[in-house]
Amino acid sequence: MSRSDSTSPPEPADFAALASEIAARCAEAVEHDTLDGVPDDALGQALAGMVRVFAAKAQAGPTPRPFGRNSGMAPTDVMVACSAMLDATGLNVFELGAWQAMSRVGRLA
């Protein structure tokens, strides 16, 4: 049975293994300057799925840490990605600030 045919939820170990694989492939693409081999649509699809799950978990309970296990995120990388996500959804930094002032959802404890 393929993953798409499955009606049971995936096991946490499946997510962990997939996350490790994606993180390793992303690191290799950056380190070896093979970014052209990463299709924009696939990258966007993976990012959108992860953002949806992150938001759902944050709304359901304590906000998970956004970066785990030796992710080593540079502030510039975070700013570039956040700016692109805000632009793609038609939001600006002022609206993000207003959201943060009104809500505790997504804030780390």
PDB file of N, CA and C in Angstrom:
ATOM      1  N   MET A   1       0.847  -1.167   0.000  1.00  0.00           N
ATOM      2  CA  MET A   1       0.000   0.000   0.000  1.00  0.00           C
ATOM      3  C   MET A   1       0.892   1.230   0.000  1.00  0.00           C
ATOM      4  N   SER A   2       0.626   2.190  -0.888  1.00  0.00           N
ATOM      5  CA  SER A   2       1.428   3.406  -0.928  1.00  0.00           C
ATOM      6  C   SER A   2       0.998   4.359   0.161  1.00  0.00           C
ATOM      7  N   ARG A   3       1.837   5.351   0.442  1.00  0.00           N
ATOM      8  CA  ARG A   3       1.539   6.328   1.488  1.00  0.00           C
ATOM      9  C   ARG A   3       0.225   7.050   1.193  1.00  0.00           C
ATOM     10  N   SER A   4      -0.053   7.372  -0.088  1.00  0.00           N
ATOM     11  CA  SER A   4      -1.272   8.098  -0.428  1.00  0.00           C
ATOM     12  C   SER A   4      -2.517   7.236  -0.274  1.00  0.00           C
ATOM     13  N   ASP A   5      -2.376   5.899  -0.313  1.00  0.00           N
ATOM     14  CA  ASP A   5      -3.518   5.007  -0.149  1.00  0.00           C
ATOM     15  C   ASP A   5      -3.831   4.738   1.321  1.00  0.00           C
ATOM     16  N   SER A   6      -2.947   5.087   2.188  1.00  0.00           N
ATOM     17  CA  SER A   6      -3.100   4.790   3.604  1.00  0.00           C
ATOM     18  C   SER A   6      -4.164   5.681   4.237  1.00  0.00           C
ATOM     19  N   THR A   7      -5.017   5.083   5.070  1.00  0.00           N
ATOM     20  CA  THR A   7      -6.024   5.860   5.787  1.00  0.00           C
ATOM     21  C   THR A   7      -5.630   6.071   7.240  1.00  0.00           C
ATOM     22  N   SER A   8      -4.579   5.397   7.685  1.00  0.00           N
ATOM     23  CA  SER A   8      -4.122   5.582   9.060  1.00  0.00           C
ATOM     24  C   SER A   8      -3.107   6.724   9.102  1.00  0.00           C
ATOM     25  N   PRO A   9      -3.084   7.444  10.220  1.00  0.00           N
ATOM     26  CA  PRO A   9      -2.134   8.552  10.317  1.00  0.00           C
ATOM     27  C   PRO A   9      -0.700   8.044  10.324  1.00  0.00           C
ATOM     28  N   PRO A  10       0.222   8.845   9.777  1.00  0.00           N
ATOM     29  CA  PRO A  10       1.617   8.417   9.770  1.00  0.00           C
ATOM     30  C   PRO A  10       2.179   8.359  11.187  1.00  0.00           C
ATOM     31  N   GLU A  11       3.117   7.479  11.382  1.00  0.00           N
ATOM     32  CA  GLU A  11       3.778   7.327  12.676  1.00  0.00           C
ATOM     33  C   GLU A  11       4.741   8.493  12.899  1.00  0.00           C
ATOM     34  N   PRO A  12       4.940   8.904  14.159  1.00  0.00           N
ATOM     35  CA  PRO A  12       5.917   9.960  14.437  1.00  0.00           C
ATOM     36  C   PRO A  12       7.305   9.647  13.888  1.00  0.00           C
ATOM     37  N   ALA A  13       7.677   8.381  13.905  1.00  0.00           N
ATOM     38  CA  ALA A  13       8.993   7.995  13.376  1.00  0.00           C
ATOM     39  C   ALA A  13       9.080   8.291  11.879  1.00  0.00           C
ATOM     40  N   ASP A  14       7.954   8.164  11.155  1.00  0.00           N
ATOM     41  CA  ASP A  14       7.935   8.488   9.726  1.00  0.00           C
ATOM     42  C   ASP A  14       8.253   9.964   9.517  1.00  0.00           C
ATOM     43  N   PHE A  15       7.636  10.824  10.329  1.00  0.00           N
ATOM     44  CA  PHE A  15       7.901  12.253  10.223  1.00  0.00           C
ATOM     45  C   PHE A  15       9.356  12.559  10.556  1.00  0.00           C
ATOM     46  N   ALA A  16       9.869  11.938  11.599  1.00  0.00           N
ATOM     47  CA  ALA A  16      11.248  12.190  12.018  1.00  0.00           C
ATOM     48  C   ALA A  16      12.230  11.777  10.926  1.00  0.00           C
ATOM     49  N   ALA A  17      12.021  10.626  10.339  1.00  0.00           N
ATOM     50  CA  ALA A  17      12.916  10.147   9.292  1.00  0.00           C
ATOM     51  C   ALA A  17      12.835  11.042   8.053  1.00  0.00           C
ATOM     52  N   LEU A  18      11.634  11.425   7.683  1.00  0.00           N
ATOM     53  CA  LEU A  18      11.453  12.299   6.526  1.00  0.00           C
ATOM     54  C   LEU A  18      12.073  13.667   6.779  1.00  0.00           C
ATOM     55  N   ALA A  19      11.887  14.209   7.986  1.00  0.00           N
ATOM     56  CA  ALA A  19      12.475  15.507   8.325  1.00  0.00           C
ATOM     57  C   ALA A  19      13.996  15.449   8.237  1.00  0.00           C
ATOM     58  N   SER A  20      14.583  14.389   8.735  1.00  0.00           N
ATOM     59  CA  SER A  20      16.040  14.238   8.657  1.00  0.00           C
ATOM     60  C   SER A  20      16.513  14.164   7.215  1.00  0.00           C
ATOM     61  N   GLU A  21      15.780  13.447   6.393  1.00  0.00           N
ATOM     62  CA  GLU A  21      16.133  13.313   4.972  1.00  0.00           C
ATOM     63  C   GLU A  21      16.027  14.665   4.260  1.00  0.00           C
ATOM     64  N   ILE A  22      14.951  15.373   4.480  1.00  0.00           N
ATOM     65  CA  ILE A  22      14.775  16.682   3.842  1.00  0.00           C
ATOM     66  C   ILE A  22      15.851  17.655   4.315  1.00  0.00           C
ATOM     67  N   ALA A  23      16.118  17.677   5.617  1.00  0.00           N
ATOM     68  CA  ALA A  23      17.142  18.576   6.155  1.00  0.00           C
ATOM     69  C   ALA A  23      18.511  18.260   5.553  1.00  0.00           C
ATOM     70  N   ALA A  24      18.834  16.989   5.428  1.00  0.00           N
ATOM     71  CA  ALA A  24      20.125  16.597   4.860  1.00  0.00           C
ATOM     72  C   ALA A  24      20.230  17.009   3.395  1.00  0.00           C
ATOM     73  N   ARG A  25      19.170  16.798   2.634  1.00  0.00           N
ATOM     74  CA  ARG A  25      19.196  17.175   1.218  1.00  0.00           C
ATOM     75  C   ARG A  25      19.289  18.683   1.047  1.00  0.00           C
ATOM     76  N   CYS A  26      18.598  19.422   1.901  1.00  0.00           N
ATOM     77  CA  CYS A  26      18.677  20.888   1.841  1.00  0.00           C
ATOM     78  C   CYS A  26      20.089  21.362   2.169  1.00  0.00           C
ATOM     79  N   ALA A  27      20.674  20.796   3.204  1.00  0.00           N
ATOM     80  CA  ALA A  27      22.043  21.173   3.584  1.00  0.00           C
ATOM     81  C   ALA A  27      23.023  20.875   2.451  1.00  0.00           C
ATOM     82  N   GLU A  28      22.870  19.724   1.808  1.00  0.00           N
ATOM     83  CA  GLU A  28      23.751  19.363   0.693  1.00  0.00           C
ATOM     84  C   GLU A  28      23.593  20.338  -0.461  1.00  0.00           C
ATOM     85  N   ALA A  29      22.354  20.731  -0.772  1.00  0.00           N
ATOM     86  CA  ALA A  29      22.111  21.663  -1.878  1.00  0.00           C
ATOM     87  C   ALA A  29      22.782  23.009  -1.612  1.00  0.00           C
ATOM     88  N   VAL A  30      22.726  23.468  -0.364  1.00  0.00           N
ATOM     89  CA  VAL A  30      23.359  24.743  -0.013  1.00  0.00           C
ATOM     90  C   VAL A  30      24.879  24.599  -0.012  1.00  0.00           C
ATOM     91  N   GLU A  31      25.370  23.568   0.651  1.00  0.00           N
ATOM     92  CA  GLU A  31      26.823  23.381   0.781  1.00  0.00           C
ATOM     93  C   GLU A  31      27.516  23.152  -0.554  1.00  0.00           C
ATOM     94  N   HIS A  32      26.848  22.433  -1.461  1.00  0.00           N
ATOM     95  CA  HIS A  32      27.466  22.093  -2.744  1.00  0.00           C
ATOM     96  C   HIS A  32      27.004  23.013  -3.877  1.00  0.00           C
ATOM     97  N   ASP A  33      26.249  24.055  -3.524  1.00  0.00           N
ATOM     98  CA  ASP A  33      25.747  25.026  -4.496  1.00  0.00           C
ATOM     99  C   ASP A  33      25.033  24.346  -5.667  1.00  0.00           C
ATOM    100  N   THR A  34      24.130  23.434  -5.314  1.00  0.00           N
ATOM    101  CA  THR A  34      23.324  22.746  -6.326  1.00  0.00           C
ATOM    102  C   THR A  34      21.855  23.147  -6.181  1.00  0.00           C
ATOM    103  N   LEU A  35      21.623  24.427  -5.909  1.00  0.00           N
ATOM    104  CA  LEU A  35      20.266  24.919  -5.666  1.00  0.00           C
ATOM    105  C   LEU A  35      19.371  24.797  -6.895  1.00  0.00           C
ATOM    106  N   ASP A  36      19.956  24.796  -8.083  1.00  0.00           N
ATOM    107  CA  ASP A  36      19.150  24.624  -9.298  1.00  0.00           C
ATOM    108  C   ASP A  36      18.485  23.252  -9.348  1.00  0.00           C
ATOM    109  N   GLY A  37      19.018  22.291  -8.602  1.00  0.00           N
ATOM    110  CA  GLY A  37      18.442  20.953  -8.550  1.00  0.00           C
ATOM    111  C   GLY A  37      17.256  20.846  -7.601  1.00  0.00           C
ATOM    112  N   VAL A  38      16.929  21.937  -6.910  1.00  0.00           N
ATOM    113  CA  VAL A  38      15.782  21.958  -5.997  1.00  0.00           C
ATOM    114  C   VAL A  38      14.655  22.705  -6.696  1.00  0.00           C
ATOM    115  N   PRO A  39      13.635  21.991  -7.184  1.00  0.00           N
ATOM    116  CA  PRO A  39      12.537  22.653  -7.893  1.00  0.00           C
ATOM    117  C   PRO A  39      11.772  23.619  -6.969  1.00  0.00           C
ATOM    118  N   ASP A  40      11.519  24.821  -7.467  1.00  0.00           N
ATOM    119  CA  ASP A  40      10.811  25.826  -6.670  1.00  0.00           C
ATOM    120  C   ASP A  40       9.455  25.321  -6.191  1.00  0.00           C
ATOM    121  N   ASP A  41       8.710  24.635  -7.062  1.00  0.00           N
ATOM    122  CA  ASP A  41       7.383  24.142  -6.668  1.00  0.00           C
ATOM    123  C   ASP A  41       7.482  23.117  -5.544  1.00  0.00           C
ATOM    124  N   ALA A  42       8.456  22.228  -5.621  1.00  0.00           N
ATOM    125  CA  ALA A  42       8.622  21.217  -4.574  1.00  0.00           C
ATOM    126  C   ALA A  42       9.032  21.868  -3.261  1.00  0.00           C
ATOM    127  N   LEU A  43       9.930  22.847  -3.329  1.00  0.00           N
ATOM    128  CA  LEU A  43      10.351  23.563  -2.133  1.00  0.00           C
ATOM    129  C   LEU A  43       9.164  24.278  -1.495  1.00  0.00           C
ATOM    130  N   GLY A  44       8.370  24.955  -2.311  1.00  0.00           N
ATOM    131  CA  GLY A  44       7.190  25.653  -1.799  1.00  0.00           C
ATOM    132  C   GLY A  44       6.161  24.700  -1.221  1.00  0.00           C
ATOM    133  N   GLN A  45       5.985  23.556  -1.852  1.00  0.00           N
ATOM    134  CA  GLN A  45       5.032  22.560  -1.358  1.00  0.00           C
ATOM    135  C   GLN A  45       5.463  22.047   0.009  1.00  0.00           C
ATOM    136  N   ALA A  46       6.739  21.744   0.168  1.00  0.00           N
ATOM    137  CA  ALA A  46       7.244  21.249   1.453  1.00  0.00           C
ATOM    138  C   ALA A  46       7.128  22.330   2.526  1.00  0.00           C
ATOM    139  N   LEU A  47       7.513  23.566   2.189  1.00  0.00           N
ATOM    140  CA  LEU A  47       7.440  24.653   3.158  1.00  0.00           C
ATOM    141  C   LEU A  47       5.997  24.914   3.575  1.00  0.00           C
ATOM    142  N   ALA A  48       5.086  24.934   2.627  1.00  0.00           N
ATOM    143  CA  ALA A  48       3.671  25.174   2.949  1.00  0.00           C
ATOM    144  C   ALA A  48       3.125  24.095   3.879  1.00  0.00           C
ATOM    145  N   GLY A  49       3.450  22.851   3.608  1.00  0.00           N
ATOM    146  CA  GLY A  49       2.986  21.767   4.474  1.00  0.00           C
ATOM    147  C   GLY A  49       3.525  21.891   5.879  1.00  0.00           C
ATOM    148  N   MET A  50       4.798  22.232   5.987  1.00  0.00           N
ATOM    149  CA  MET A  50       5.398  22.372   7.313  1.00  0.00           C
ATOM    150  C   MET A  50       4.821  23.566   8.064  1.00  0.00           C
ATOM    151  N   VAL A  51       4.579  24.664   7.350  1.00  0.00           N
ATOM    152  CA  VAL A  51       3.981  25.845   8.002  1.00  0.00           C
ATOM    153  C   VAL A  51       2.584  25.514   8.504  1.00  0.00           C
ATOM    154  N   ARG A  52       1.799  24.783   7.709  1.00  0.00           N
ATOM    155  CA  ARG A  52       0.440  24.404   8.136  1.00  0.00           C
ATOM    156  C   ARG A  52       0.463  23.547   9.399  1.00  0.00           C
ATOM    157  N   VAL A  53       1.341  22.571   9.437  1.00  0.00           N
ATOM    158  CA  VAL A  53       1.429  21.696  10.612  1.00  0.00           C
ATOM    159  C   VAL A  53       1.917  22.487  11.822  1.00  0.00           C
ATOM    160  N   PHE A  54       2.920  23.337  11.625  1.00  0.00           N
ATOM    161  CA  PHE A  54       3.438  24.152  12.725  1.00  0.00           C
ATOM    162  C   PHE A  54       2.320  25.028  13.296  1.00  0.00           C
ATOM    163  N   ALA A  55       1.574  25.693  12.428  1.00  0.00           N
ATOM    164  CA  ALA A  55       0.489  26.574  12.881  1.00  0.00           C
ATOM    165  C   ALA A  55      -0.595  25.782  13.601  1.00  0.00           C
ATOM    166  N   ALA A  56      -0.945  24.617  13.084  1.00  0.00           N
ATOM    167  CA  ALA A  56      -1.971  23.795  13.721  1.00  0.00           C
ATOM    168  C   ALA A  56      -1.524  23.352  15.119  1.00  0.00           C
ATOM    169  N   LYS A  57      -0.266  22.954  15.242  1.00  0.00           N
ATOM    170  CA  LYS A  57       0.246  22.556  16.563  1.00  0.00           C
ATOM    171  C   LYS A  57       0.272  23.742  17.519  1.00  0.00           C
ATOM    172  N   ALA A  58       0.665  24.909  17.032  1.00  0.00           N
ATOM    173  CA  ALA A  58       0.719  26.098  17.885  1.00  0.00           C
ATOM    174  C   ALA A  58      -0.680  26.504  18.344  1.00  0.00           C
ATOM    175  N   GLN A  59      -1.675  26.343  17.494  1.00  0.00           N
ATOM    176  CA  GLN A  59      -3.043  26.695  17.851  1.00  0.00           C
ATOM    177  C   GLN A  59      -3.674  25.661  18.774  1.00  0.00           C
ATOM    178  N   ALA A  60      -3.175  24.436  18.725  1.00  0.00           N
ATOM    179  CA  ALA A  60      -3.740  23.361  19.543  1.00  0.00           C
ATOM    180  C   ALA A  60      -3.118  23.266  20.931  1.00  0.00           C
ATOM    181  N   GLY A  61      -1.967  23.877  21.121  1.00  0.00           N
ATOM    182  CA  GLY A  61      -1.283  23.758  22.410  1.00  0.00           C
ATOM    183  C   GLY A  61      -0.032  24.594  22.427  1.00  0.00           C
ATOM    184  N   PRO A  62       0.919  24.229  23.252  1.00  0.00           N
ATOM    185  CA  PRO A  62       2.158  25.005  23.316  1.00  0.00           C
ATOM    186  C   PRO A  62       2.853  25.053  21.949  1.00  0.00           C
ATOM    187  N   THR A  63       3.388  26.207  21.622  1.00  0.00           N
ATOM    188  CA  THR A  63       4.075  26.375  20.345  1.00  0.00           C
ATOM    189  C   THR A  63       5.374  25.576  20.344  1.00  0.00           C
ATOM    190  N   PRO A  64       5.555  24.721  19.335  1.00  0.00           N
ATOM    191  CA  PRO A  64       6.816  23.973  19.268  1.00  0.00           C
ATOM    192  C   PRO A  64       7.968  24.901  18.895  1.00  0.00           C
ATOM    193  N   ARG A  65       9.161  24.505  19.229  1.00  0.00           N
ATOM    194  CA  ARG A  65      10.342  25.271  18.813  1.00  0.00           C
ATOM    195  C   ARG A  65      10.419  25.207  17.285  1.00  0.00           C
ATOM    196  N   PRO A  66      10.646  26.335  16.624  1.00  0.00           N
ATOM    197  CA  PRO A  66      10.640  26.319  15.157  1.00  0.00           C
ATOM    198  C   PRO A  66      11.860  25.651  14.535  1.00  0.00           C
ATOM    199  N   PHE A  67      12.962  25.585  15.269  1.00  0.00           N
ATOM    200  CA  PHE A  67      14.173  24.998  14.715  1.00  0.00           C
ATOM    201  C   PHE A  67      14.708  23.963  15.681  1.00  0.00           C
ATOM    202  N   GLY A  68      14.977  22.788  15.156  1.00  0.00           N
ATOM    203  CA  GLY A  68      15.444  21.718  16.021  1.00  0.00           C
ATOM    204  C   GLY A  68      16.743  21.122  15.555  1.00  0.00           C
ATOM    205  N   ARG A  69      17.320  20.339  16.434  1.00  0.00           N
ATOM    206  CA  ARG A  69      18.480  19.498  16.140  1.00  0.00           C
ATOM    207  C   ARG A  69      19.502  20.119  15.200  1.00  0.00           C
ATOM    208  N   ASN A  70      20.336  20.949  15.731  1.00  0.00           N
ATOM    209  CA  ASN A  70      21.476  21.481  14.977  1.00  0.00           C
ATOM    210  C   ASN A  70      21.090  22.204  13.691  1.00  0.00           C
ATOM    211  N   SER A  71      19.934  22.871  13.684  1.00  0.00           N
ATOM    212  CA  SER A  71      19.498  23.526  12.454  1.00  0.00           C
ATOM    213  C   SER A  71      20.346  24.740  12.117  1.00  0.00           C
ATOM    214  N   GLY A  72      20.922  25.402  13.121  1.00  0.00           N
ATOM    215  CA  GLY A  72      21.829  26.513  12.878  1.00  0.00           C
ATOM    216  C   GLY A  72      21.287  27.579  11.953  1.00  0.00           C
ATOM    217  N   MET A  73      20.121  28.101  12.226  1.00  0.00           N
ATOM    218  CA  MET A  73      19.515  29.111  11.365  1.00  0.00           C
ATOM    219  C   MET A  73      20.183  30.467  11.552  1.00  0.00           C
ATOM    220  N   ALA A  74      20.555  31.080  10.455  1.00  0.00           N
ATOM    221  CA  ALA A  74      21.115  32.424  10.481  1.00  0.00           C
ATOM    222  C   ALA A  74      19.960  33.427  10.479  1.00  0.00           C
ATOM    223  N   PRO A  75      20.102  34.522  11.210  1.00  0.00           N
ATOM    224  CA  PRO A  75      19.037  35.538  11.218  1.00  0.00           C
ATOM    225  C   PRO A  75      18.659  36.018   9.814  1.00  0.00           C
ATOM    226  N   THR A  76      19.635  36.158   8.932  1.00  0.00           N
ATOM    227  CA  THR A  76      19.329  36.587   7.565  1.00  0.00           C
ATOM    228  C   THR A  76      18.444  35.575   6.853  1.00  0.00           C
ATOM    229  N   ASP A  77      18.715  34.274   7.037  1.00  0.00           N
ATOM    230  CA  ASP A  77      17.889  33.239   6.417  1.00  0.00           C
ATOM    231  C   ASP A  77      16.448  33.340   6.897  1.00  0.00           C
ATOM    232  N   VAL A  78      16.272  33.571   8.187  1.00  0.00           N
ATOM    233  CA  VAL A  78      14.932  33.698   8.755  1.00  0.00           C
ATOM    234  C   VAL A  78      14.225  34.918   8.167  1.00  0.00           C
ATOM    235  N   MET A  79      14.922  36.034   8.084  1.00  0.00           N
ATOM    236  CA  MET A  79      14.317  37.260   7.560  1.00  0.00           C
ATOM    237  C   MET A  79      13.932  37.113   6.088  1.00  0.00           C
ATOM    238  N   VAL A  80      14.764  36.472   5.297  1.00  0.00           N
ATOM    239  CA  VAL A  80      14.465  36.265   3.879  1.00  0.00           C
ATOM    240  C   VAL A  80      13.213  35.402   3.730  1.00  0.00           C
ATOM    241  N   ALA A  81      13.153  34.292   4.470  1.00  0.00           N
ATOM    242  CA  ALA A  81      11.999  33.389   4.369  1.00  0.00           C
ATOM    243  C   ALA A  81      10.728  34.056   4.886  1.00  0.00           C
ATOM    244  N   CYS A  82      10.817  34.738   6.015  1.00  0.00           N
ATOM    245  CA  CYS A  82       9.636  35.420   6.563  1.00  0.00           C
ATOM    246  C   CYS A  82       9.137  36.495   5.614  1.00  0.00           C
ATOM    247  N   SER A  83      10.040  37.263   5.037  1.00  0.00           N
ATOM    248  CA  SER A  83       9.650  38.309   4.085  1.00  0.00           C
ATOM    249  C   SER A  83       8.942  37.712   2.885  1.00  0.00           C
ATOM    250  N   ALA A  84       9.460  36.596   2.376  1.00  0.00           N
ATOM    251  CA  ALA A  84       8.836  35.947   1.220  1.00  0.00           C
ATOM    252  C   ALA A  84       7.444  35.422   1.574  1.00  0.00           C
ATOM    253  N   MET A  85       7.298  34.845   2.782  1.00  0.00           N
ATOM    254  CA  MET A  85       5.987  34.332   3.188  1.00  0.00           C
ATOM    255  C   MET A  85       4.988  35.470   3.380  1.00  0.00           C
ATOM    256  N   LEU A  86       5.428  36.573   3.978  1.00  0.00           N
ATOM    257  CA  LEU A  86       4.540  37.727   4.140  1.00  0.00           C
ATOM    258  C   LEU A  86       4.116  38.258   2.781  1.00  0.00           C
ATOM    259  N   ASP A  87       5.059  38.420   1.859  1.00  0.00           N
ATOM    260  CA  ASP A  87       4.743  38.902   0.511  1.00  0.00           C
ATOM    261  C   ASP A  87       3.764  37.974  -0.201  1.00  0.00           C
ATOM    262  N   ALA A  88       3.992  36.665  -0.092  1.00  0.00           N
ATOM    263  CA  ALA A  88       3.153  35.686  -0.791  1.00  0.00           C
ATOM    264  C   ALA A  88       1.716  35.681  -0.294  1.00  0.00           C
ATOM    265  N   THR A  89       1.523  36.081   0.953  1.00  0.00           N
ATOM    266  CA  THR A  89       0.172  36.084   1.519  1.00  0.00           C
ATOM    267  C   THR A  89      -0.432  37.481   1.568  1.00  0.00           C
ATOM    268  N   GLY A  90       0.277  38.469   1.024  1.00  0.00           N
ATOM    269  CA  GLY A  90      -0.243  39.830   0.972  1.00  0.00           C
ATOM    270  C   GLY A  90      -0.239  40.540   2.321  1.00  0.00           C
ATOM    271  N   LEU A  91       0.607  40.114   3.217  1.00  0.00           N
ATOM    272  CA  LEU A  91       0.707  40.739   4.535  1.00  0.00           C
ATOM    273  C   LEU A  91       1.949  41.605   4.603  1.00  0.00           C
ATOM    274  N   ASN A  92       1.936  42.556   5.541  1.00  0.00           N
ATOM    275  CA  ASN A  92       3.146  43.334   5.755  1.00  0.00           C
ATOM    276  C   ASN A  92       3.543  43.256   7.226  1.00  0.00           C
ATOM    277  N   VAL A  93       4.694  43.778   7.536  1.00  0.00           N
ATOM    278  CA  VAL A  93       5.240  43.654   8.878  1.00  0.00           C
ATOM    279  C   VAL A  93       4.327  44.308   9.915  1.00  0.00           C
ATOM    280  N   PHE A  94       3.675  45.402   9.550  1.00  0.00           N
ATOM    281  CA  PHE A  94       2.752  46.054  10.479  1.00  0.00           C
ATOM    282  C   PHE A  94       1.646  45.092  10.904  1.00  0.00           C
ATOM    283  N   GLU A  95       1.085  44.355   9.961  1.00  0.00           N
ATOM    284  CA  GLU A  95       0.021  43.397  10.285  1.00  0.00           C
ATOM    285  C   GLU A  95       0.546  42.273  11.172  1.00  0.00           C
ATOM    286  N   LEU A  96       1.757  41.845  10.951  1.00  0.00           N
ATOM    287  CA  LEU A  96       2.361  40.831  11.814  1.00  0.00           C
ATOM    288  C   LEU A  96       2.486  41.370  13.230  1.00  0.00           C
ATOM    289  N   GLY A  97       2.943  42.610  13.364  1.00  0.00           N
ATOM    290  CA  GLY A  97       3.060  43.226  14.679  1.00  0.00           C
ATOM    291  C   GLY A  97       1.716  43.341  15.373  1.00  0.00           C
ATOM    292  N   ALA A  98       0.674  43.708  14.617  1.00  0.00           N
ATOM    293  CA  ALA A  98      -0.672  43.804  15.197  1.00  0.00           C
ATOM    294  C   ALA A  98      -1.152  42.432  15.658  1.00  0.00           C
ATOM    295  N   TRP A  99      -0.908  41.409  14.858  1.00  0.00           N
ATOM    296  CA  TRP A  99      -1.294  40.042  15.226  1.00  0.00           C
ATOM    297  C   TRP A  99      -0.596  39.621  16.515  1.00  0.00           C
ATOM    298  N   GLN A 100       0.698  39.896  16.599  1.00  0.00           N
ATOM    299  CA  GLN A 100       1.447  39.508  17.787  1.00  0.00           C
ATOM    300  C   GLN A 100       0.956  40.250  19.013  1.00  0.00           C
ATOM    301  N   ALA A 101       0.541  41.493  18.862  1.00  0.00           N
ATOM    302  CA  ALA A 101       0.033  42.270  20.003  1.00  0.00           C
ATOM    303  C   ALA A 101      -1.315  41.742  20.478  1.00  0.00           C
ATOM    304  N   MET A 102      -2.115  41.193  19.568  1.00  0.00           N
ATOM    305  CA  MET A 102      -3.463  40.736  19.904  1.00  0.00           C
ATOM    306  C   MET A 102      -3.528  39.276  20.334  1.00  0.00           C
ATOM    307  N   SER A 103      -2.535  38.493  19.981  1.00  0.00           N
ATOM    308  CA  SER A 103      -2.626  37.050  20.177  1.00  0.00           C
ATOM    309  C   SER A 103      -1.364  36.500  20.816  1.00  0.00           C
ATOM    310  N   ARG A 104      -1.554  35.449  21.592  1.00  0.00           N
ATOM    311  CA  ARG A 104      -0.410  34.719  22.134  1.00  0.00           C
ATOM    312  C   ARG A 104      -0.138  33.459  21.305  1.00  0.00           C
ATOM    313  N   VAL A 105      -0.983  33.175  20.315  1.00  0.00           N
ATOM    314  CA  VAL A 105      -0.809  31.991  19.489  1.00  0.00           C
ATOM    315  C   VAL A 105       0.493  32.107  18.704  1.00  0.00           C
ATOM    316  N   GLY A 106       1.286  31.069  18.763  1.00  0.00           N
ATOM    317  CA  GLY A 106       2.534  31.040  18.040  1.00  0.00           C
ATOM    318  C   GLY A 106       3.707  31.622  18.792  1.00  0.00           C
ATOM    319  N   ARG A 107       3.470  32.185  19.964  1.00  0.00           N
ATOM    320  CA  ARG A 107       4.556  32.765  20.746  1.00  0.00           C
ATOM    321  C   ARG A 107       5.190  31.673  21.608  1.00  0.00           C
ATOM    322  N   LEU A 108       6.501  31.709  21.691  1.00  0.00           N
ATOM    323  CA  LEU A 108       7.197  30.743  22.530  1.00  0.00           C
ATOM    324  C   LEU A 108       7.101  31.167  23.990  1.00  0.00           C
ATOM    325  N   ALA A 109       6.983  30.190  24.862  1.00  0.00           N
ATOM    326  CA  ALA A 109       6.875  30.481  26.299  1.00  0.00           C
ATOM    327  C   ALA A 109       8.214  30.902  26.859  1.00  0.00           C
TER     328      ALA A 109
END
